[in-house]
């Protein structure tokens, strides 16, 4: 079995892009949970911009999916590690 060539710079960029994507996704989910419409919309737009880099980078070479998965794990882990808990919002109230 022959593995495709890996460009270390592209692999690193895919890891960073998917880590950032997952960190933004965690922030998006947090904004949705507390019903922050503007925050959720902003995070969602940024989420799609970041994810497009990873998708474009690894569609020509399947091996980059592994780097994308690694970056995804790192992003979610780091985001939850450094995210401060938000105050509870009563059900039915809309903060924005």
PDB file of N, CA and C in Angstrom:
ATOM      1  N   UNK A   1       0.850  -1.188   0.000  1.00  0.00           N
ATOM      2  CA  UNK A   1       0.000   0.000   0.000  1.00  0.00           C
ATOM      3  C   UNK A   1       0.889   1.243   0.000  1.00  0.00           C
ATOM      4  N   UNK A   2       0.583   2.127  -0.887  1.00  0.00           N
ATOM      5  CA  UNK A   2       1.353   3.362  -1.031  1.00  0.00           C
ATOM      6  C   UNK A   2       0.582   4.521  -0.413  1.00  0.00           C
ATOM      7  N   UNK A   3       1.189   5.192   0.562  1.00  0.00           N
ATOM      8  CA  UNK A   3       0.563   6.359   1.183  1.00  0.00           C
ATOM      9  C   UNK A   3       0.857   7.599   0.360  1.00  0.00           C
ATOM     10  N   UNK A   4      -0.121   8.486   0.239  1.00  0.00           N
ATOM     11  CA  UNK A   4       0.122   9.731  -0.494  1.00  0.00           C
ATOM     12  C   UNK A   4       1.179  10.580   0.213  1.00  0.00           C
ATOM     13  N   UNK A   5       1.830  11.441  -0.530  1.00  0.00           N
ATOM     14  CA  UNK A   5       2.827  12.346   0.045  1.00  0.00           C
ATOM     15  C   UNK A   5       2.146  13.340   0.976  1.00  0.00           C
ATOM     16  N   UNK A   6       2.824  13.675   2.047  1.00  0.00           N
ATOM     17  CA  UNK A   6       2.290  14.619   3.029  1.00  0.00           C
ATOM     18  C   UNK A   6       3.186  15.850   3.054  1.00  0.00           C
ATOM     19  N   UNK A   7       2.577  17.002   2.870  1.00  0.00           N
ATOM     20  CA  UNK A   7       3.283  18.264   3.007  1.00  0.00           C
ATOM     21  C   UNK A   7       3.149  18.684   4.474  1.00  0.00           C
ATOM     22  N   UNK A   8       4.240  18.735   5.232  1.00  0.00           N
ATOM     23  CA  UNK A   8       4.148  19.067   6.657  1.00  0.00           C
ATOM     24  C   UNK A   8       3.488  20.423   6.928  1.00  0.00           C
ATOM     25  N   UNK A   9       3.727  21.387   6.072  1.00  0.00           N
ATOM     26  CA  UNK A   9       3.120  22.711   6.251  1.00  0.00           C
ATOM     27  C   UNK A   9       1.596  22.632   6.092  1.00  0.00           C
ATOM     28  N   UNK A  10       1.146  21.910   5.066  1.00  0.00           N
ATOM     29  CA  UNK A  10      -0.298  21.734   4.871  1.00  0.00           C
ATOM     30  C   UNK A  10      -0.905  20.942   6.024  1.00  0.00           C
ATOM     31  N   UNK A  11      -0.217  19.890   6.460  1.00  0.00           N
ATOM     32  CA  UNK A  11      -0.721  19.088   7.575  1.00  0.00           C
ATOM     33  C   UNK A  11      -0.868  19.953   8.826  1.00  0.00           C
ATOM     34  N   UNK A  12       0.130  20.769   9.114  1.00  0.00           N
ATOM     35  CA  UNK A  12       0.055  21.668  10.271  1.00  0.00           C
ATOM     36  C   UNK A  12      -1.057  22.692  10.135  1.00  0.00           C
ATOM     37  N   UNK A  13      -1.215  23.229   8.937  1.00  0.00           N
ATOM     38  CA  UNK A  13      -2.280  24.209   8.705  1.00  0.00           C
ATOM     39  C   UNK A  13      -3.657  23.574   8.872  1.00  0.00           C
ATOM     40  N   UNK A  14      -3.807  22.319   8.417  1.00  0.00           N
ATOM     41  CA  UNK A  14      -5.085  21.626   8.583  1.00  0.00           C
ATOM     42  C   UNK A  14      -5.364  21.394  10.067  1.00  0.00           C
ATOM     43  N   UNK A  15      -4.348  21.000  10.832  1.00  0.00           N
ATOM     44  CA  UNK A  15      -4.528  20.808  12.277  1.00  0.00           C
ATOM     45  C   UNK A  15      -4.972  22.120  12.921  1.00  0.00           C
ATOM     46  N   UNK A  16      -4.281  23.210  12.607  1.00  0.00           N
ATOM     47  CA  UNK A  16      -4.643  24.507  13.192  1.00  0.00           C
ATOM     48  C   UNK A  16      -6.041  24.955  12.772  1.00  0.00           C
ATOM     49  N   UNK A  17      -6.373  24.765  11.500  1.00  0.00           N
ATOM     50  CA  UNK A  17      -7.688  25.191  11.017  1.00  0.00           C
ATOM     51  C   UNK A  17      -8.803  24.392  11.683  1.00  0.00           C
ATOM     52  N   UNK A  18      -8.622  23.093  11.814  1.00  0.00           N
ATOM     53  CA  UNK A  18      -9.692  22.297  12.444  1.00  0.00           C
ATOM     54  C   UNK A  18      -9.730  22.511  13.950  1.00  0.00           C
ATOM     55  N   UNK A  19      -8.573  22.783  14.572  1.00  0.00           N
ATOM     56  CA  UNK A  19      -8.584  23.111  16.005  1.00  0.00           C
ATOM     57  C   UNK A  19      -9.357  24.403  16.231  1.00  0.00           C
ATOM     58  N   UNK A  20      -9.077  25.404  15.398  1.00  0.00           N
ATOM     59  CA  UNK A  20      -9.802  26.671  15.509  1.00  0.00           C
ATOM     60  C   UNK A  20     -11.283  26.476  15.198  1.00  0.00           C
ATOM     61  N   UNK A  21     -11.582  25.643  14.214  1.00  0.00           N
ATOM     62  CA  UNK A  21     -12.970  25.382  13.849  1.00  0.00           C
ATOM     63  C   UNK A  21     -13.730  24.765  15.015  1.00  0.00           C
ATOM     64  N   UNK A  22     -13.133  23.791  15.667  1.00  0.00           N
ATOM     65  CA  UNK A  22     -13.816  23.164  16.794  1.00  0.00           C
ATOM     66  C   UNK A  22     -13.937  24.087  17.989  1.00  0.00           C
ATOM     67  N   UNK A  23     -12.922  24.902  18.225  1.00  0.00           N
ATOM     68  CA  UNK A  23     -13.014  25.873  19.311  1.00  0.00           C
ATOM     69  C   UNK A  23     -14.157  26.849  19.043  1.00  0.00           C
ATOM     70  N   UNK A  24     -14.278  27.296  17.803  1.00  0.00           N
ATOM     71  CA  UNK A  24     -15.376  28.203  17.440  1.00  0.00           C
ATOM     72  C   UNK A  24     -16.718  27.479  17.553  1.00  0.00           C
ATOM     73  N   UNK A  25     -16.756  26.207  17.165  1.00  0.00           N
ATOM     74  CA  UNK A  25     -17.999  25.438  17.275  1.00  0.00           C
ATOM     75  C   UNK A  25     -18.455  25.323  18.731  1.00  0.00           C
ATOM     76  N   UNK A  26     -17.507  25.131  19.640  1.00  0.00           N
ATOM     77  CA  UNK A  26     -17.856  25.067  21.063  1.00  0.00           C
ATOM     78  C   UNK A  26     -18.450  26.394  21.507  1.00  0.00           C
ATOM     79  N   UNK A  27     -17.854  27.492  21.064  1.00  0.00           N
ATOM     80  CA  UNK A  27     -18.385  28.826  21.417  1.00  0.00           C
ATOM     81  C   UNK A  27     -19.769  29.047  20.797  1.00  0.00           C
ATOM     82  N   UNK A  28     -19.952  28.578  19.564  1.00  0.00           N
ATOM     83  CA  UNK A  28     -21.251  28.662  18.898  1.00  0.00           C
ATOM     84  C   UNK A  28     -22.310  27.906  19.708  1.00  0.00           C
ATOM     85  N   UNK A  29     -21.982  26.685  20.090  1.00  0.00           N
ATOM     86  CA  UNK A  29     -22.932  25.868  20.857  1.00  0.00           C
ATOM     87  C   UNK A  29     -23.261  26.532  22.182  1.00  0.00           C
ATOM     88  N   UNK A  30     -22.260  27.096  22.828  1.00  0.00           N
ATOM     89  CA  UNK A  30     -22.483  27.799  24.089  1.00  0.00           C
ATOM     90  C   UNK A  30     -23.437  28.977  23.899  1.00  0.00           C
ATOM     91  N   UNK A  31     -23.246  29.731  22.822  1.00  0.00           N
ATOM     92  CA  UNK A  31     -24.137  30.868  22.546  1.00  0.00           C
ATOM     93  C   UNK A  31     -25.557  30.397  22.257  1.00  0.00           C
ATOM     94  N   UNK A  32     -25.709  29.272  21.568  1.00  0.00           N
ATOM     95  CA  UNK A  32     -27.042  28.737  21.279  1.00  0.00           C
ATOM     96  C   UNK A  32     -27.732  28.313  22.571  1.00  0.00           C
ATOM     97  N   UNK A  33     -26.995  27.647  23.451  1.00  0.00           N
ATOM     98  CA  UNK A  33     -27.580  27.153  24.702  1.00  0.00           C
ATOM     99  C   UNK A  33     -28.145  28.298  25.539  1.00  0.00           C
ATOM    100  N   UNK A  34     -27.456  29.431  25.559  1.00  0.00           N
ATOM    101  CA  UNK A  34     -27.935  30.563  26.354  1.00  0.00           C
ATOM    102  C   UNK A  34     -28.756  31.555  25.522  1.00  0.00           C
ATOM    103  N   UNK A  35     -29.145  31.132  24.324  1.00  0.00           N
ATOM    104  CA  UNK A  35     -30.019  31.913  23.443  1.00  0.00           C
ATOM    105  C   UNK A  35     -29.471  33.289  23.093  1.00  0.00           C
ATOM    106  N   UNK A  36     -28.211  33.353  22.785  1.00  0.00           N
ATOM    107  CA  UNK A  36     -27.592  34.602  22.323  1.00  0.00           C
ATOM    108  C   UNK A  36     -27.560  34.558  20.801  1.00  0.00           C
ATOM    109  N   UNK A  37     -28.566  35.158  20.189  1.00  0.00           N
ATOM    110  CA  UNK A  37     -28.741  35.073  18.737  1.00  0.00           C
ATOM    111  C   UNK A  37     -27.598  35.688  17.957  1.00  0.00           C
ATOM    112  N   UNK A  38     -27.197  36.891  18.330  1.00  0.00           N
ATOM    113  CA  UNK A  38     -26.133  37.569  17.595  1.00  0.00           C
ATOM    114  C   UNK A  38     -24.812  36.827  17.780  1.00  0.00           C
ATOM    115  N   UNK A  39     -24.509  36.445  19.001  1.00  0.00           N
ATOM    116  CA  UNK A  39     -23.291  35.681  19.259  1.00  0.00           C
ATOM    117  C   UNK A  39     -23.275  34.373  18.490  1.00  0.00           C
ATOM    118  N   UNK A  40     -24.387  33.655  18.508  1.00  0.00           N
ATOM    119  CA  UNK A  40     -24.473  32.374  17.789  1.00  0.00           C
ATOM    120  C   UNK A  40     -24.292  32.593  16.287  1.00  0.00           C
ATOM    121  N   UNK A  41     -24.912  33.621  15.752  1.00  0.00           N
ATOM    122  CA  UNK A  41     -24.791  33.901  14.318  1.00  0.00           C
ATOM    123  C   UNK A  41     -23.348  34.256  13.951  1.00  0.00           C
ATOM    124  N   UNK A  42     -22.692  35.072  14.777  1.00  0.00           N
ATOM    125  CA  UNK A  42     -21.296  35.442  14.521  1.00  0.00           C
ATOM    126  C   UNK A  42     -20.376  34.218  14.572  1.00  0.00           C
ATOM    127  N   UNK A  43     -20.529  33.406  15.610  1.00  0.00           N
ATOM    128  CA  UNK A  43     -19.698  32.204  15.742  1.00  0.00           C
ATOM    129  C   UNK A  43     -19.965  31.246  14.581  1.00  0.00           C
ATOM    130  N   UNK A  44     -21.206  31.136  14.156  1.00  0.00           N
ATOM    131  CA  UNK A  44     -21.557  30.234  13.068  1.00  0.00           C
ATOM    132  C   UNK A  44     -20.873  30.655  11.770  1.00  0.00           C
ATOM    133  N   UNK A  45     -20.889  31.940  11.467  1.00  0.00           N
ATOM    134  CA  UNK A  45     -20.230  32.429  10.257  1.00  0.00           C
ATOM    135  C   UNK A  45     -18.735  32.159  10.284  1.00  0.00           C
ATOM    136  N   UNK A  46     -18.110  32.405  11.415  1.00  0.00           N
ATOM    137  CA  UNK A  46     -16.679  32.155  11.553  1.00  0.00           C
ATOM    138  C   UNK A  46     -16.373  30.659  11.446  1.00  0.00           C
ATOM    139  N   UNK A  47     -17.256  29.845  12.006  1.00  0.00           N
ATOM    140  CA  UNK A  47     -17.107  28.384  11.956  1.00  0.00           C
ATOM    141  C   UNK A  47     -17.027  27.908  10.501  1.00  0.00           C
ATOM    142  N   UNK A  48     -17.922  28.387   9.659  1.00  0.00           N
ATOM    143  CA  UNK A  48     -17.914  27.968   8.260  1.00  0.00           C
ATOM    144  C   UNK A  48     -16.718  28.501   7.494  1.00  0.00           C
ATOM    145  N   UNK A  49     -16.273  29.704   7.792  1.00  0.00           N
ATOM    146  CA  UNK A  49     -15.077  30.233   7.131  1.00  0.00           C
ATOM    147  C   UNK A  49     -13.848  29.382   7.451  1.00  0.00           C
ATOM    148  N   UNK A  50     -13.685  29.026   8.712  1.00  0.00           N
ATOM    149  CA  UNK A  50     -12.531  28.221   9.115  1.00  0.00           C
ATOM    150  C   UNK A  50     -12.597  26.802   8.565  1.00  0.00           C
ATOM    151  N   UNK A  51     -13.779  26.213   8.580  1.00  0.00           N
ATOM    152  CA  UNK A  51     -13.895  24.825   8.122  1.00  0.00           C
ATOM    153  C   UNK A  51     -13.625  24.698   6.624  1.00  0.00           C
ATOM    154  N   UNK A  52     -13.864  25.749   5.883  1.00  0.00           N
ATOM    155  CA  UNK A  52     -13.633  25.671   4.440  1.00  0.00           C
ATOM    156  C   UNK A  52     -12.162  25.442   4.112  1.00  0.00           C
ATOM    157  N   UNK A  53     -11.240  26.009   4.890  1.00  0.00           N
ATOM    158  CA  UNK A  53      -9.821  25.789   4.626  1.00  0.00           C
ATOM    159  C   UNK A  53      -9.474  24.310   4.748  1.00  0.00           C
ATOM    160  N   UNK A  54      -9.919  23.688   5.817  1.00  0.00           N
ATOM    161  CA  UNK A  54      -9.603  22.273   6.031  1.00  0.00           C
ATOM    162  C   UNK A  54     -10.209  21.417   4.928  1.00  0.00           C
ATOM    163  N   UNK A  55     -11.440  21.692   4.572  1.00  0.00           N
ATOM    164  CA  UNK A  55     -12.097  20.896   3.526  1.00  0.00           C
ATOM    165  C   UNK A  55     -11.359  21.040   2.205  1.00  0.00           C
ATOM    166  N   UNK A  56     -11.021  22.251   1.826  1.00  0.00           N
ATOM    167  CA  UNK A  56     -10.322  22.487   0.566  1.00  0.00           C
ATOM    168  C   UNK A  56      -8.934  21.833   0.601  1.00  0.00           C
ATOM    169  N   UNK A  57      -8.274  21.883   1.746  1.00  0.00           N
ATOM    170  CA  UNK A  57      -6.928  21.325   1.849  1.00  0.00           C
ATOM    171  C   UNK A  57      -6.898  19.815   1.724  1.00  0.00           C
ATOM    172  N   UNK A  58      -7.855  19.125   2.336  1.00  0.00           N
ATOM    173  CA  UNK A  58      -7.740  17.670   2.325  1.00  0.00           C
ATOM    174  C   UNK A  58      -8.608  16.964   1.296  1.00  0.00           C
ATOM    175  N   UNK A  59      -9.366  17.672   0.501  1.00  0.00           N
ATOM    176  CA  UNK A  59     -10.169  16.986  -0.516  1.00  0.00           C
ATOM    177  C   UNK A  59      -9.311  16.399  -1.627  1.00  0.00           C
ATOM    178  N   UNK A  60      -8.140  16.951  -1.861  1.00  0.00           N
ATOM    179  CA  UNK A  60      -7.256  16.404  -2.883  1.00  0.00           C
ATOM    180  C   UNK A  60      -6.368  15.283  -2.356  1.00  0.00           C
ATOM    181  N   UNK A  61      -6.344  15.080  -1.047  1.00  0.00           N
ATOM    182  CA  UNK A  61      -5.494  14.051  -0.465  1.00  0.00           C
ATOM    183  C   UNK A  61      -6.158  13.550   0.820  1.00  0.00           C
ATOM    184  N   UNK A  62      -6.680  12.347   0.791  1.00  0.00           N
ATOM    185  CA  UNK A  62      -7.449  11.807   1.921  1.00  0.00           C
ATOM    186  C   UNK A  62      -6.661  11.737   3.214  1.00  0.00           C
ATOM    187  N   UNK A  63      -5.352  11.681   3.152  1.00  0.00           N
ATOM    188  CA  UNK A  63      -4.546  11.534   4.359  1.00  0.00           C
ATOM    189  C   UNK A  63      -4.714  12.735   5.295  1.00  0.00           C
ATOM    190  N   UNK A  64      -5.074  13.897   4.744  1.00  0.00           N
ATOM    191  CA  UNK A  64      -5.249  15.087   5.578  1.00  0.00           C
ATOM    192  C   UNK A  64      -6.488  15.004   6.473  1.00  0.00           C
ATOM    193  N   UNK A  65      -7.369  14.062   6.196  1.00  0.00           N
ATOM    194  CA  UNK A  65      -8.522  13.848   7.076  1.00  0.00           C
ATOM    195  C   UNK A  65      -8.031  13.483   8.476  1.00  0.00           C
ATOM    196  N   UNK A  66      -6.948  12.726   8.549  1.00  0.00           N
ATOM    197  CA  UNK A  66      -6.376  12.352   9.848  1.00  0.00           C
ATOM    198  C   UNK A  66      -5.914  13.601  10.603  1.00  0.00           C
ATOM    199  N   UNK A  67      -5.269  14.524   9.905  1.00  0.00           N
ATOM    200  CA  UNK A  67      -4.824  15.756  10.538  1.00  0.00           C
ATOM    201  C   UNK A  67      -6.022  16.631  10.927  1.00  0.00           C
ATOM    202  N   UNK A  68      -7.069  16.611  10.117  1.00  0.00           N
ATOM    203  CA  UNK A  68      -8.281  17.358  10.446  1.00  0.00           C
ATOM    204  C   UNK A  68      -8.924  16.805  11.713  1.00  0.00           C
ATOM    205  N   UNK A  69      -8.961  15.484  11.840  1.00  0.00           N
ATOM    206  CA  UNK A  69      -9.533  14.864  13.045  1.00  0.00           C
ATOM    207  C   UNK A  69      -8.705  15.214  14.278  1.00  0.00           C
ATOM    208  N   UNK A  70      -7.397  15.203  14.138  1.00  0.00           N
ATOM    209  CA  UNK A  70      -6.527  15.572  15.249  1.00  0.00           C
ATOM    210  C   UNK A  70      -6.761  17.028  15.661  1.00  0.00           C
ATOM    211  N   UNK A  71      -6.831  17.909  14.692  1.00  0.00           N
ATOM    212  CA  UNK A  71      -7.099  19.314  14.993  1.00  0.00           C
ATOM    213  C   UNK A  71      -8.456  19.511  15.634  1.00  0.00           C
ATOM    214  N   UNK A  72      -9.439  18.760  15.182  1.00  0.00           N
ATOM    215  CA  UNK A  72     -10.778  18.840  15.752  1.00  0.00           C
ATOM    216  C   UNK A  72     -10.754  18.464  17.230  1.00  0.00           C
ATOM    217  N   UNK A  73     -10.061  17.396  17.552  1.00  0.00           N
ATOM    218  CA  UNK A  73      -9.960  16.954  18.941  1.00  0.00           C
ATOM    219  C   UNK A  73      -9.270  18.017  19.789  1.00  0.00           C
ATOM    220  N   UNK A  74      -8.164  18.544  19.279  1.00  0.00           N
ATOM    221  CA  UNK A  74      -7.414  19.573  20.009  1.00  0.00           C
ATOM    222  C   UNK A  74      -8.280  20.810  20.248  1.00  0.00           C
ATOM    223  N   UNK A  75      -8.998  21.250  19.216  1.00  0.00           N
ATOM    224  CA  UNK A  75      -9.834  22.441  19.339  1.00  0.00           C
ATOM    225  C   UNK A  75     -10.925  22.295  20.381  1.00  0.00           C
ATOM    226  N   UNK A  76     -11.615  21.169  20.372  1.00  0.00           N
ATOM    227  CA  UNK A  76     -12.678  20.953  21.355  1.00  0.00           C
ATOM    228  C   UNK A  76     -12.100  20.855  22.762  1.00  0.00           C
ATOM    229  N   UNK A  77     -11.013  20.129  22.913  1.00  0.00           N
ATOM    230  CA  UNK A  77     -10.394  19.957  24.225  1.00  0.00           C
ATOM    231  C   UNK A  77      -9.912  21.288  24.785  1.00  0.00           C
ATOM    232  N   UNK A  78      -9.185  22.054  23.965  1.00  0.00           N
ATOM    233  CA  UNK A  78      -8.641  23.326  24.438  1.00  0.00           C
ATOM    234  C   UNK A  78      -9.738  24.353  24.705  1.00  0.00           C
ATOM    235  N   UNK A  79     -10.748  24.359  23.878  1.00  0.00           N
ATOM    236  CA  UNK A  79     -11.836  25.309  24.069  1.00  0.00           C
ATOM    237  C   UNK A  79     -12.545  25.064  25.394  1.00  0.00           C
ATOM    238  N   UNK A  80     -12.842  23.810  25.687  1.00  0.00           N
ATOM    239  CA  UNK A  80     -13.503  23.501  26.950  1.00  0.00           C
ATOM    240  C   UNK A  80     -12.571  23.694  28.138  1.00  0.00           C
ATOM    241  N   UNK A  81     -11.272  23.524  27.932  1.00  0.00           N
ATOM    242  CA  UNK A  81     -10.311  23.728  29.005  1.00  0.00           C
ATOM    243  C   UNK A  81     -10.254  25.194  29.417  1.00  0.00           C
ATOM    244  N   UNK A  82     -10.282  26.096  28.442  1.00  0.00           N
ATOM    245  CA  UNK A  82     -10.105  27.505  28.737  1.00  0.00           C
ATOM    246  C   UNK A  82     -11.392  28.333  28.760  1.00  0.00           C
ATOM    247  N   UNK A  83     -12.525  27.726  28.447  1.00  0.00           N
ATOM    248  CA  UNK A  83     -13.789  28.464  28.428  1.00  0.00           C
ATOM    249  C   UNK A  83     -14.305  28.637  29.856  1.00  0.00           C
ATOM    250  N   UNK A  84     -14.631  29.841  30.179  1.00  0.00           N
ATOM    251  CA  UNK A  84     -15.201  30.117  31.492  1.00  0.00           C
ATOM    252  C   UNK A  84     -16.694  29.814  31.453  1.00  0.00           C
ATOM    253  N   UNK A  85     -17.234  29.248  32.528  1.00  0.00           N
ATOM    254  CA  UNK A  85     -18.669  28.961  32.519  1.00  0.00           C
ATOM    255  C   UNK A  85     -19.481  30.257  32.399  1.00  0.00           C
ATOM    256  N   UNK A  86     -20.519  30.194  31.597  1.00  0.00           N
ATOM    257  CA  UNK A  86     -21.375  31.375  31.444  1.00  0.00           C
ATOM    258  C   UNK A  86     -22.493  31.314  32.477  1.00  0.00           C
ATOM    259  N   UNK A  87     -23.038  32.481  32.833  1.00  0.00           N
ATOM    260  CA  UNK A  87     -24.135  32.472  33.798  1.00  0.00           C
ATOM    261  C   UNK A  87     -25.360  31.772  33.229  1.00  0.00           C
ATOM    262  N   UNK A  88     -26.120  31.160  34.084  1.00  0.00           N
ATOM    263  CA  UNK A  88     -27.352  30.485  33.667  1.00  0.00           C
ATOM    264  C   UNK A  88     -28.398  31.518  33.267  1.00  0.00           C
ATOM    265  N   UNK A  89     -29.097  31.226  32.177  1.00  0.00           N
ATOM    266  CA  UNK A  89     -30.156  32.104  31.713  1.00  0.00           C
ATOM    267  C   UNK A  89     -31.480  31.368  31.935  1.00  0.00           C
ATOM    268  N   UNK A  90     -32.427  32.006  32.632  1.00  0.00           N
ATOM    269  CA  UNK A  90     -33.713  31.333  32.852  1.00  0.00           C
ATOM    270  C   UNK A  90     -34.399  30.982  31.539  1.00  0.00           C
ATOM    271  N   UNK A  91     -35.082  29.855  31.539  1.00  0.00           N
ATOM    272  CA  UNK A  91     -35.816  29.408  30.344  1.00  0.00           C
ATOM    273  C   UNK A  91     -36.867  30.443  29.980  1.00  0.00           C
ATOM    274  N   UNK A  92     -36.941  30.770  28.695  1.00  0.00           N
ATOM    275  CA  UNK A  92     -37.939  31.739  28.237  1.00  0.00           C
ATOM    276  C   UNK A  92     -37.409  33.156  28.120  1.00  0.00           C
ATOM    277  N   UNK A  93     -36.228  33.417  28.652  1.00  0.00           N
ATOM    278  CA  UNK A  93     -35.692  34.776  28.517  1.00  0.00           C
ATOM    279  C   UNK A  93     -34.723  34.827  27.353  1.00  0.00           C
ATOM    280  N   UNK A  94     -34.614  35.968  26.732  1.00  0.00           N
ATOM    281  CA  UNK A  94     -33.718  36.127  25.577  1.00  0.00           C
ATOM    282  C   UNK A  94     -32.735  37.254  25.903  1.00  0.00           C
ATOM    283  N   UNK A  95     -31.449  36.919  26.125  1.00  0.00           N
ATOM    284  CA  UNK A  95     -30.487  37.949  26.494  1.00  0.00           C
ATOM    285  C   UNK A  95     -30.196  39.004  25.448  1.00  0.00           C
ATOM    286  N   UNK A  96     -30.397  38.689  24.110  1.00  0.00           N
ATOM    287  CA  UNK A  96     -30.071  39.768  23.197  1.00  0.00           C
ATOM    288  C   UNK A  96     -31.276  40.482  22.742  1.00  0.00           C
TER     289      UNK A  96
END
